[in-house]
Amino acid sequence: MTLMVFCTVPSTDTARDLAQRLVKEKLVACVNIQSGIESVYEWEGEVEHSSEALLILKTTDARYPELEQKLQAWHPYDTPEILAIPVTKGLPSYIQWVADVTART
């Protein structure tokens, strides 16, 4: 199954670094980076406002556990946002490409 994984980071530079590392490790087939987002959230009893970048990662269910582990290890936040959503429909050739790129060799 193909997954879309969302992860926010504190900067575009951090997003690019993580994207490069994850693609190189074949944990994801593709990463979209959306810079200039603003996040509003509660942290330790306070409402926080942060400028962040959003990573949209394409992977498979089989690669997700290692992807989550690497994101936690490499992420600068103590509790990073890592949310995976199953892709239930999509262009079959794109879905196959994601599977091919992330297949363990």
PDB file of N, CA and C in Angstrom:
ATOM      1  N   MET A   1       0.834  -1.178   0.000  1.00  0.00           N
ATOM      2  CA  MET A   1       0.000   0.000   0.000  1.00  0.00           C
ATOM      3  C   MET A   1       0.884   1.248   0.000  1.00  0.00           C
ATOM      4  N   THR A   2       0.498   2.228  -0.786  1.00  0.00           N
ATOM      5  CA  THR A   2       1.199   3.512  -0.830  1.00  0.00           C
ATOM      6  C   THR A   2       0.703   4.394   0.307  1.00  0.00           C
ATOM      7  N   LEU A   3       1.618   5.140   0.896  1.00  0.00           N
ATOM      8  CA  LEU A   3       1.297   6.083   1.972  1.00  0.00           C
ATOM      9  C   LEU A   3       1.779   7.474   1.603  1.00  0.00           C
ATOM     10  N   MET A   4       1.037   8.472   2.049  1.00  0.00           N
ATOM     11  CA  MET A   4       1.516   9.856   2.060  1.00  0.00           C
ATOM     12  C   MET A   4       1.794  10.189   3.516  1.00  0.00           C
ATOM     13  N   VAL A   5       3.004  10.655   3.785  1.00  0.00           N
ATOM     14  CA  VAL A   5       3.415  10.957   5.151  1.00  0.00           C
ATOM     15  C   VAL A   5       3.673  12.457   5.235  1.00  0.00           C
ATOM     16  N   PHE A   6       3.119  13.073   6.265  1.00  0.00           N
ATOM     17  CA  PHE A   6       3.275  14.500   6.485  1.00  0.00           C
ATOM     18  C   PHE A   6       4.174  14.722   7.693  1.00  0.00           C
ATOM     19  N   CYS A   7       5.099  15.671   7.550  1.00  0.00           N
ATOM     20  CA  CYS A   7       6.039  15.963   8.631  1.00  0.00           C
ATOM     21  C   CYS A   7       6.434  17.432   8.541  1.00  0.00           C
ATOM     22  N   THR A   8       6.247  18.180   9.618  1.00  0.00           N
ATOM     23  CA  THR A   8       6.682  19.573   9.651  1.00  0.00           C
ATOM     24  C   THR A   8       8.074  19.669  10.253  1.00  0.00           C
ATOM     25  N   VAL A   9       8.825  20.666   9.775  1.00  0.00           N
ATOM     26  CA  VAL A   9      10.188  20.922  10.243  1.00  0.00           C
ATOM     27  C   VAL A   9      10.369  22.425  10.410  1.00  0.00           C
ATOM     28  N   PRO A  10      11.400  22.848  11.153  1.00  0.00           N
ATOM     29  CA  PRO A  10      11.532  24.273  11.464  1.00  0.00           C
ATOM     30  C   PRO A  10      12.014  25.163  10.316  1.00  0.00           C
ATOM     31  N   SER A  11      12.531  24.578   9.232  1.00  0.00           N
ATOM     32  CA  SER A  11      13.055  25.437   8.159  1.00  0.00           C
ATOM     33  C   SER A  11      13.104  24.676   6.839  1.00  0.00           C
ATOM     34  N   THR A  12      13.191  25.445   5.763  1.00  0.00           N
ATOM     35  CA  THR A  12      13.333  24.850   4.437  1.00  0.00           C
ATOM     36  C   THR A  12      14.661  24.111   4.325  1.00  0.00           C
ATOM     37  N   ASP A  13      15.719  24.640   4.929  1.00  0.00           N
ATOM     38  CA  ASP A  13      17.008  23.948   4.899  1.00  0.00           C
ATOM     39  C   ASP A  13      16.913  22.571   5.556  1.00  0.00           C
ATOM     40  N   THR A  14      16.241  22.492   6.691  1.00  0.00           N
ATOM     41  CA  THR A  14      16.044  21.207   7.360  1.00  0.00           C
ATOM     42  C   THR A  14      15.223  20.280   6.470  1.00  0.00           C
ATOM     43  N   ALA A  15      14.190  20.822   5.834  1.00  0.00           N
ATOM     44  CA  ALA A  15      13.345  20.021   4.940  1.00  0.00           C
ATOM     45  C   ALA A  15      14.169  19.448   3.788  1.00  0.00           C
ATOM     46  N   ARG A  16      14.996  20.271   3.171  1.00  0.00           N
ATOM     47  CA  ARG A  16      15.821  19.800   2.056  1.00  0.00           C
ATOM     48  C   ARG A  16      16.799  18.721   2.497  1.00  0.00           C
ATOM     49  N   ASP A  17      17.405  18.920   3.657  1.00  0.00           N
ATOM     50  CA  ASP A  17      18.355  17.939   4.172  1.00  0.00           C
ATOM     51  C   ASP A  17      17.669  16.596   4.423  1.00  0.00           C
ATOM     52  N   LEU A  18      16.538  16.625   5.109  1.00  0.00           N
ATOM     53  CA  LEU A  18      15.817  15.381   5.384  1.00  0.00           C
ATOM     54  C   LEU A  18      15.349  14.718   4.088  1.00  0.00           C
ATOM     55  N   ALA A  19      14.824  15.516   3.167  1.00  0.00           N
ATOM     56  CA  ALA A  19      14.342  14.967   1.893  1.00  0.00           C
ATOM     57  C   ALA A  19      15.473  14.257   1.156  1.00  0.00           C
ATOM     58  N   GLN A  20      16.612  14.899   1.070  1.00  0.00           N
ATOM     59  CA  GLN A  20      17.766  14.317   0.376  1.00  0.00           C
ATOM     60  C   GLN A  20      18.168  12.982   1.006  1.00  0.00           C
ATOM     61  N   ARG A  21      18.253  12.970   2.325  1.00  0.00           N
ATOM     62  CA  ARG A  21      18.677  11.758   3.026  1.00  0.00           C
ATOM     63  C   ARG A  21      17.667  10.624   2.848  1.00  0.00           C
ATOM     64  N   LEU A  22      16.390  10.945   2.935  1.00  0.00           N
ATOM     65  CA  LEU A  22      15.353   9.915   2.841  1.00  0.00           C
ATOM     66  C   LEU A  22      15.237   9.344   1.435  1.00  0.00           C
ATOM     67  N   VAL A  23      15.377  10.191   0.421  1.00  0.00           N
ATOM     68  CA  VAL A  23      15.349   9.702  -0.966  1.00  0.00           C
ATOM     69  C   VAL A  23      16.581   8.844  -1.230  1.00  0.00           C
ATOM     70  N   LYS A  24      17.733   9.311  -0.765  1.00  0.00           N
ATOM     71  CA  LYS A  24      18.969   8.559  -0.979  1.00  0.00           C
ATOM     72  C   LYS A  24      18.903   7.165  -0.342  1.00  0.00           C
ATOM     73  N   GLU A  25      18.258   7.068   0.814  1.00  0.00           N
ATOM     74  CA  GLU A  25      18.114   5.784   1.513  1.00  0.00           C
ATOM     75  C   GLU A  25      16.983   4.929   0.934  1.00  0.00           C
ATOM     76  N   LYS A  26      16.271   5.473  -0.059  1.00  0.00           N
ATOM     77  CA  LYS A  26      15.144   4.790  -0.717  1.00  0.00           C
ATOM     78  C   LYS A  26      14.007   4.481   0.253  1.00  0.00           C
ATOM     79  N   LEU A  27      13.892   5.299   1.297  1.00  0.00           N
ATOM     80  CA  LEU A  27      12.769   5.175   2.219  1.00  0.00           C
ATOM     81  C   LEU A  27      11.527   5.866   1.670  1.00  0.00           C
ATOM     82  N   VAL A  28      11.740   6.781   0.745  1.00  0.00           N
ATOM     83  CA  VAL A  28      10.656   7.487   0.066  1.00  0.00           C
ATOM     84  C   VAL A  28      11.003   7.579  -1.410  1.00  0.00           C
ATOM     85  N   ALA A  29       9.976   7.663  -2.236  1.00  0.00           N
ATOM     86  CA  ALA A  29      10.202   7.834  -3.671  1.00  0.00           C
ATOM     87  C   ALA A  29      10.284   9.314  -4.033  1.00  0.00           C
ATOM     88  N   CYS A  30       9.569  10.135  -3.283  1.00  0.00           N
ATOM     89  CA  CYS A  30       9.461  11.558  -3.618  1.00  0.00           C
ATOM     90  C   CYS A  30       9.119  12.328  -2.354  1.00  0.00           C
ATOM     91  N   VAL A  31       9.611  13.567  -2.295  1.00  0.00           N
ATOM     92  CA  VAL A  31       9.258  14.467  -1.195  1.00  0.00           C
ATOM     93  C   VAL A  31       8.899  15.821  -1.799  1.00  0.00           C
ATOM     94  N   ASN A  32       7.732  16.321  -1.451  1.00  0.00           N
ATOM     95  CA  ASN A  32       7.360  17.694  -1.786  1.00  0.00           C
ATOM     96  C   ASN A  32       7.635  18.534  -0.553  1.00  0.00           C
ATOM     97  N   ILE A  33       8.186  19.716  -0.760  1.00  0.00           N
ATOM     98  CA  ILE A  33       8.480  20.633   0.339  1.00  0.00           C
ATOM     99  C   ILE A  33       7.644  21.887   0.151  1.00  0.00           C
ATOM    100  N   GLN A  34       6.820  22.182   1.142  1.00  0.00           N
ATOM    101  CA  GLN A  34       6.012  23.403   1.138  1.00  0.00           C
ATOM    102  C   GLN A  34       6.576  24.315   2.214  1.00  0.00           C
ATOM    103  N   SER A  35       7.241  25.369   1.798  1.00  0.00           N
ATOM    104  CA  SER A  35       7.821  26.292   2.780  1.00  0.00           C
ATOM    105  C   SER A  35       6.817  27.398   3.093  1.00  0.00           C
ATOM    106  N   GLY A  36       7.101  28.115   4.153  1.00  0.00           N
ATOM    107  CA  GLY A  36       6.297  29.279   4.511  1.00  0.00           C
ATOM    108  C   GLY A  36       4.957  28.962   5.138  1.00  0.00           C
ATOM    109  N   ILE A  37       4.825  27.811   5.780  1.00  0.00           N
ATOM    110  CA  ILE A  37       3.569  27.543   6.478  1.00  0.00           C
ATOM    111  C   ILE A  37       3.682  28.057   7.904  1.00  0.00           C
ATOM    112  N   GLU A  38       2.553  28.346   8.494  1.00  0.00           N
ATOM    113  CA  GLU A  38       2.526  28.750   9.894  1.00  0.00           C
ATOM    114  C   GLU A  38       1.748  27.707  10.666  1.00  0.00           C
ATOM    115  N   SER A  39       2.320  27.260  11.758  1.00  0.00           N
ATOM    116  CA  SER A  39       1.665  26.271  12.611  1.00  0.00           C
ATOM    117  C   SER A  39       1.283  26.926  13.931  1.00  0.00           C
ATOM    118  N   VAL A  40       0.089  26.631  14.396  1.00  0.00           N
ATOM    119  CA  VAL A  40      -0.407  27.086  15.691  1.00  0.00           C
ATOM    120  C   VAL A  40      -0.775  25.833  16.472  1.00  0.00           C
ATOM    121  N   TYR A  41      -0.197  25.681  17.653  1.00  0.00           N
ATOM    122  CA  TYR A  41      -0.382  24.449  18.411  1.00  0.00           C
ATOM    123  C   TYR A  41      -0.140  24.715  19.891  1.00  0.00           C
ATOM    124  N   GLU A  42      -0.617  23.787  20.708  1.00  0.00           N
ATOM    125  CA  GLU A  42      -0.340  23.870  22.141  1.00  0.00           C
ATOM    126  C   GLU A  42       0.859  23.003  22.455  1.00  0.00           C
ATOM    127  N   TRP A  43       1.804  23.566  23.196  1.00  0.00           N
ATOM    128  CA  TRP A  43       2.982  22.822  23.623  1.00  0.00           C
ATOM    129  C   TRP A  43       3.320  23.236  25.042  1.00  0.00           C
ATOM    130  N   GLU A  44       3.345  22.256  25.923  1.00  0.00           N
ATOM    131  CA  GLU A  44       3.669  22.465  27.334  1.00  0.00           C
ATOM    132  C   GLU A  44       2.802  23.566  27.953  1.00  0.00           C
ATOM    133  N   GLY A  45       1.495  23.514  27.635  1.00  0.00           N
ATOM    134  CA  GLY A  45       0.532  24.425  28.236  1.00  0.00           C
ATOM    135  C   GLY A  45       0.447  25.800  27.613  1.00  0.00           C
ATOM    136  N   GLU A  46       1.213  26.057  26.587  1.00  0.00           N
ATOM    137  CA  GLU A  46       1.212  27.365  25.924  1.00  0.00           C
ATOM    138  C   GLU A  46       0.801  27.224  24.471  1.00  0.00           C
ATOM    139  N   VAL A  47       0.117  28.241  23.937  1.00  0.00           N
ATOM    140  CA  VAL A  47      -0.192  28.270  22.519  1.00  0.00           C
ATOM    141  C   VAL A  47       1.003  28.861  21.793  1.00  0.00           C
ATOM    142  N   GLU A  48       1.534  28.108  20.856  1.00  0.00           N
ATOM    143  CA  GLU A  48       2.733  28.494  20.112  1.00  0.00           C
ATOM    144  C   GLU A  48       2.380  28.823  18.660  1.00  0.00           C
ATOM    145  N   HIS A  49       3.169  29.693  18.067  1.00  0.00           N
ATOM    146  CA  HIS A  49       3.085  30.028  16.648  1.00  0.00           C
ATOM    147  C   HIS A  49       4.481  29.840  16.072  1.00  0.00           C
ATOM    148  N   SER A  50       4.586  29.045  15.015  1.00  0.00           N
ATOM    149  CA  SER A  50       5.899  28.774  14.422  1.00  0.00           C
ATOM    150  C   SER A  50       5.816  28.836  12.906  1.00  0.00           C
ATOM    151  N   SER A  51       6.851  29.392  12.302  1.00  0.00           N
ATOM    152  CA  SER A  51       7.024  29.286  10.856  1.00  0.00           C
ATOM    153  C   SER A  51       7.724  27.955  10.602  1.00  0.00           C
ATOM    154  N   GLU A  52       7.175  27.170   9.694  1.00  0.00           N
ATOM    155  CA  GLU A  52       7.725  25.848   9.434  1.00  0.00           C
ATOM    156  C   GLU A  52       7.674  25.541   7.941  1.00  0.00           C
ATOM    157  N   ALA A  53       8.242  24.415   7.589  1.00  0.00           N
ATOM    158  CA  ALA A  53       8.110  23.846   6.249  1.00  0.00           C
ATOM    159  C   ALA A  53       7.438  22.489   6.421  1.00  0.00           C
ATOM    160  N   LEU A  54       6.674  22.094   5.403  1.00  0.00           N
ATOM    161  CA  LEU A  54       5.960  20.826   5.441  1.00  0.00           C
ATOM    162  C   LEU A  54       6.556  19.880   4.413  1.00  0.00           C
ATOM    163  N   LEU A  55       6.888  18.677   4.861  1.00  0.00           N
ATOM    164  CA  LEU A  55       7.313  17.612   3.965  1.00  0.00           C
ATOM    165  C   LEU A  55       6.109  16.729   3.668  1.00  0.00           C
ATOM    166  N   ILE A  56       5.903  16.432   2.393  1.00  0.00           N
ATOM    167  CA  ILE A  56       4.897  15.464   1.975  1.00  0.00           C
ATOM    168  C   ILE A  56       5.681  14.342   1.309  1.00  0.00           C
ATOM    169  N   LEU A  57       5.737  13.199   1.984  1.00  0.00           N
ATOM    170  CA  LEU A  57       6.590  12.090   1.567  1.00  0.00           C
ATOM    171  C   LEU A  57       5.735  10.959   0.996  1.00  0.00           C
ATOM    172  N   LYS A  58       6.216  10.344  -0.090  1.00  0.00           N
ATOM    173  CA  LYS A  58       5.515   9.208  -0.687  1.00  0.00           C
ATOM    174  C   LYS A  58       6.339   7.951  -0.456  1.00  0.00           C
ATOM    175  N   THR A  59       5.708   6.967   0.173  1.00  0.00           N
ATOM    176  CA  THR A  59       6.391   5.729   0.514  1.00  0.00           C
ATOM    177  C   THR A  59       5.401   4.576   0.486  1.00  0.00           C
ATOM    178  N   THR A  60       5.828   3.438   0.983  1.00  0.00           N
ATOM    179  CA  THR A  60       4.949   2.275   1.082  1.00  0.00           C
ATOM    180  C   THR A  60       4.807   1.861   2.538  1.00  0.00           C
ATOM    181  N   ASP A  61       3.771   1.087   2.776  1.00  0.00           N
ATOM    182  CA  ASP A  61       3.533   0.566   4.118  1.00  0.00           C
ATOM    183  C   ASP A  61       4.726  -0.255   4.605  1.00  0.00           C
ATOM    184  N   ALA A  62       5.357  -0.984   3.701  1.00  0.00           N
ATOM    185  CA  ALA A  62       6.509  -1.811   4.070  1.00  0.00           C
ATOM    186  C   ALA A  62       7.702  -0.979   4.520  1.00  0.00           C
ATOM    187  N   ARG A  63       7.871   0.218   3.968  1.00  0.00           N
ATOM    188  CA  ARG A  63       9.019   1.063   4.306  1.00  0.00           C
ATOM    189  C   ARG A  63       8.727   2.027   5.457  1.00  0.00           C
ATOM    190  N   TYR A  64       7.441   2.140   5.824  1.00  0.00           N
ATOM    191  CA  TYR A  64       7.080   3.125   6.832  1.00  0.00           C
ATOM    192  C   TYR A  64       7.805   2.958   8.176  1.00  0.00           C
ATOM    193  N   PRO A  65       7.900   1.768   8.754  1.00  0.00           N
ATOM    194  CA  PRO A  65       8.558   1.672  10.065  1.00  0.00           C
ATOM    195  C   PRO A  65       9.981   2.250  10.077  1.00  0.00           C
ATOM    196  N   GLU A  66      10.760   1.946   9.039  1.00  0.00           N
ATOM    197  CA  GLU A  66      12.118   2.480   8.992  1.00  0.00           C
ATOM    198  C   GLU A  66      12.112   3.981   8.726  1.00  0.00           C
ATOM    199  N   LEU A  67      11.179   4.433   7.888  1.00  0.00           N
ATOM    200  CA  LEU A  67      11.041   5.877   7.638  1.00  0.00           C
ATOM    201  C   LEU A  67      10.731   6.613   8.936  1.00  0.00           C
ATOM    202  N   GLU A  68       9.791   6.118   9.699  1.00  0.00           N
ATOM    203  CA  GLU A  68       9.445   6.757  10.969  1.00  0.00           C
ATOM    204  C   GLU A  68      10.652   6.788  11.907  1.00  0.00           C
ATOM    205  N   GLN A  69      11.371   5.680  11.975  1.00  0.00           N
ATOM    206  CA  GLN A  69      12.551   5.600  12.841  1.00  0.00           C
ATOM    207  C   GLN A  69      13.605   6.636  12.439  1.00  0.00           C
ATOM    208  N   LYS A  70      13.882   6.737  11.139  1.00  0.00           N
ATOM    209  CA  LYS A  70      14.889   7.697  10.663  1.00  0.00           C
ATOM    210  C   LYS A  70      14.420   9.133  10.882  1.00  0.00           C
ATOM    211  N   LEU A  71      13.142   9.403  10.604  1.00  0.00           N
ATOM    212  CA  LEU A  71      12.637  10.758  10.835  1.00  0.00           C
ATOM    213  C   LEU A  71      12.790  11.154  12.298  1.00  0.00           C
ATOM    214  N   GLN A  72      12.450  10.262  13.205  1.00  0.00           N
ATOM    215  CA  GLN A  72      12.608  10.569  14.631  1.00  0.00           C
ATOM    216  C   GLN A  72      14.071  10.813  14.987  1.00  0.00           C
ATOM    217  N   ALA A  73      14.955  10.009  14.452  1.00  0.00           N
ATOM    218  CA  ALA A  73      16.384  10.132  14.776  1.00  0.00           C
ATOM    219  C   ALA A  73      16.986  11.414  14.212  1.00  0.00           C
ATOM    220  N   TRP A  74      16.599  11.792  13.005  1.00  0.00           N
ATOM    221  CA  TRP A  74      17.214  12.937  12.325  1.00  0.00           C
ATOM    222  C   TRP A  74      16.483  14.249  12.560  1.00  0.00           C
ATOM    223  N   HIS A  75      15.279  14.208  13.096  1.00  0.00           N
ATOM    224  CA  HIS A  75      14.444  15.403  13.245  1.00  0.00           C
ATOM    225  C   HIS A  75      14.912  16.237  14.428  1.00  0.00           C
ATOM    226  N   PRO A  76      14.911  17.572  14.291  1.00  0.00           N
ATOM    227  CA  PRO A  76      15.365  18.407  15.403  1.00  0.00           C
ATOM    228  C   PRO A  76      14.355  18.546  16.548  1.00  0.00           C
ATOM    229  N   TYR A  77      13.093  18.199  16.335  1.00  0.00           N
ATOM    230  CA  TYR A  77      12.088  18.313  17.399  1.00  0.00           C
ATOM    231  C   TYR A  77      12.088  17.056  18.267  1.00  0.00           C
ATOM    232  N   ASP A  78      11.760  17.225  19.543  1.00  0.00           N
ATOM    233  CA  ASP A  78      11.617  16.086  20.451  1.00  0.00           C
ATOM    234  C   ASP A  78      10.437  15.199  20.055  1.00  0.00           C
ATOM    235  N   THR A  79       9.346  15.836  19.656  1.00  0.00           N
ATOM    236  CA  THR A  79       8.137  15.116  19.259  1.00  0.00           C
ATOM    237  C   THR A  79       7.704  15.626  17.885  1.00  0.00           C
ATOM    238  N   PRO A  80       8.302  15.099  16.822  1.00  0.00           N
ATOM    239  CA  PRO A  80       7.956  15.586  15.485  1.00  0.00           C
ATOM    240  C   PRO A  80       6.570  15.111  15.047  1.00  0.00           C
ATOM    241  N   GLU A  81       5.943  15.944  14.218  1.00  0.00           N
ATOM    242  CA  GLU A  81       4.694  15.535  13.578  1.00  0.00           C
ATOM    243  C   GLU A  81       5.044  14.536  12.480  1.00  0.00           C
ATOM    244  N   ILE A  82       4.580  13.324  12.611  1.00  0.00           N
ATOM    245  CA  ILE A  82       4.743  12.298  11.581  1.00  0.00           C
ATOM    246  C   ILE A  82       3.389  11.616  11.454  1.00  0.00           C
ATOM    247  N   LEU A  83       2.690  11.895  10.364  1.00  0.00           N
ATOM    248  CA  LEU A  83       1.356  11.361  10.140  1.00  0.00           C
ATOM    249  C   LEU A  83       1.321  10.641   8.801  1.00  0.00           C
ATOM    250  N   ALA A  84       0.865   9.407   8.796  1.00  0.00           N
ATOM    251  CA  ALA A  84       0.792   8.618   7.565  1.00  0.00           C
ATOM    252  C   ALA A  84      -0.670   8.390   7.192  1.00  0.00           C
ATOM    253  N   ILE A  85      -0.954   8.619   5.918  1.00  0.00           N
ATOM    254  CA  ILE A  85      -2.305   8.451   5.396  1.00  0.00           C
ATOM    255  C   ILE A  85      -2.246   7.481   4.227  1.00  0.00           C
ATOM    256  N   PRO A  86      -3.064   6.436   4.249  1.00  0.00           N
ATOM    257  CA  PRO A  86      -3.050   5.495   3.123  1.00  0.00           C
ATOM    258  C   PRO A  86      -3.630   6.141   1.867  1.00  0.00           C
ATOM    259  N   VAL A  87      -3.017   5.814   0.742  1.00  0.00           N
ATOM    260  CA  VAL A  87      -3.513   6.270  -0.553  1.00  0.00           C
ATOM    261  C   VAL A  87      -4.438   5.173  -1.076  1.00  0.00           C
ATOM    262  N   THR A  88      -5.705   5.486  -1.202  1.00  0.00           N
ATOM    263  CA  THR A  88      -6.681   4.487  -1.629  1.00  0.00           C
ATOM    264  C   THR A  88      -6.922   4.513  -3.136  1.00  0.00           C
ATOM    265  N   LYS A  89      -6.562   5.598  -3.780  1.00  0.00           N
ATOM    266  CA  LYS A  89      -6.699   5.704  -5.231  1.00  0.00           C
ATOM    267  C   LYS A  89      -5.546   6.546  -5.749  1.00  0.00           C
ATOM    268  N   GLY A  90      -5.177   6.315  -7.002  1.00  0.00           N
ATOM    269  CA  GLY A  90      -4.119   7.080  -7.631  1.00  0.00           C
ATOM    270  C   GLY A  90      -3.782   6.488  -8.983  1.00  0.00           C
ATOM    271  N   LEU A  91      -3.026   7.227  -9.761  1.00  0.00           N
ATOM    272  CA  LEU A  91      -2.604   6.752 -11.068  1.00  0.00           C
ATOM    273  C   LEU A  91      -1.788   5.480 -10.883  1.00  0.00           C
ATOM    274  N   PRO A  92      -2.231   4.372 -11.441  1.00  0.00           N
ATOM    275  CA  PRO A  92      -1.536   3.102 -11.210  1.00  0.00           C
ATOM    276  C   PRO A  92      -0.038   3.142 -11.521  1.00  0.00           C
ATOM    277  N   SER A  93       0.355   3.821 -12.567  1.00  0.00           N
ATOM    278  CA  SER A  93       1.785   3.865 -12.896  1.00  0.00           C
ATOM    279  C   SER A  93       2.577   4.655 -11.850  1.00  0.00           C
ATOM    280  N   TYR A  94       1.977   5.677 -11.248  1.00  0.00           N
ATOM    281  CA  TYR A  94       2.656   6.419 -10.185  1.00  0.00           C
ATOM    282  C   TYR A  94       2.769   5.557  -8.930  1.00  0.00           C
ATOM    283  N   ILE A  95       1.693   4.876  -8.575  1.00  0.00           N
ATOM    284  CA  ILE A  95       1.701   3.986  -7.415  1.00  0.00           C
ATOM    285  C   ILE A  95       2.779   2.912  -7.588  1.00  0.00           C
ATOM    286  N   GLN A  96       2.887   2.372  -8.798  1.00  0.00           N
ATOM    287  CA  GLN A  96       3.898   1.353  -9.072  1.00  0.00           C
ATOM    288  C   GLN A  96       5.301   1.937  -8.972  1.00  0.00           C
ATOM    289  N   TRP A  97       5.486   3.170  -9.452  1.00  0.00           N
ATOM    290  CA  TRP A  97       6.789   3.836  -9.379  1.00  0.00           C
ATOM    291  C   TRP A  97       7.223   3.993  -7.919  1.00  0.00           C
ATOM    292  N   VAL A  98       6.306   4.411  -7.052  1.00  0.00           N
ATOM    293  CA  VAL A  98       6.631   4.539  -5.625  1.00  0.00           C
ATOM    294  C   VAL A  98       7.075   3.197  -5.071  1.00  0.00           C
ATOM    295  N   ALA A  99       6.356   2.139  -5.415  1.00  0.00           N
ATOM    296  CA  ALA A  99       6.713   0.803  -4.942  1.00  0.00           C
ATOM    297  C   ALA A  99       8.073   0.368  -5.488  1.00  0.00           C
ATOM    298  N   ASP A 100       8.322   0.641  -6.750  1.00  0.00           N
ATOM    299  CA  ASP A 100       9.594   0.238  -7.365  1.00  0.00           C
ATOM    300  C   ASP A 100      10.774   0.968  -6.741  1.00  0.00           C
ATOM    301  N   VAL A 101      10.648   2.266  -6.545  1.00  0.00           N
ATOM    302  CA  VAL A 101      11.759   3.074  -6.019  1.00  0.00           C
ATOM    303  C   VAL A 101      12.087   2.675  -4.576  1.00  0.00           C
ATOM    304  N   THR A 102      11.066   2.380  -3.803  1.00  0.00           N
ATOM    305  CA  THR A 102      11.292   2.088  -2.380  1.00  0.00           C
ATOM    306  C   THR A 102      11.485   0.602  -2.090  1.00  0.00           C
ATOM    307  N   ALA A 103      11.441  -0.230  -3.110  1.00  0.00           N
ATOM    308  CA  ALA A 103      11.619  -1.678  -2.897  1.00  0.00           C
ATOM    309  C   ALA A 103      13.012  -1.965  -2.347  1.00  0.00           C
ATOM    310  N   ARG A 104      13.065  -2.847  -1.379  1.00  0.00           N
ATOM    311  CA  ARG A 104      14.351  -3.257  -0.820  1.00  0.00           C
ATOM    312  C   ARG A 104      15.076  -4.102  -1.849  1.00  0.00           C
ATOM    313  N   THR A 105      16.367  -3.854  -2.014  1.00  0.00           N
ATOM    314  CA  THR A 105      17.151  -4.642  -2.976  1.00  0.00           C
ATOM    315  C   THR A 105      18.210  -5.436  -2.254  1.00  0.00           C
TER     316      THR A 105
END
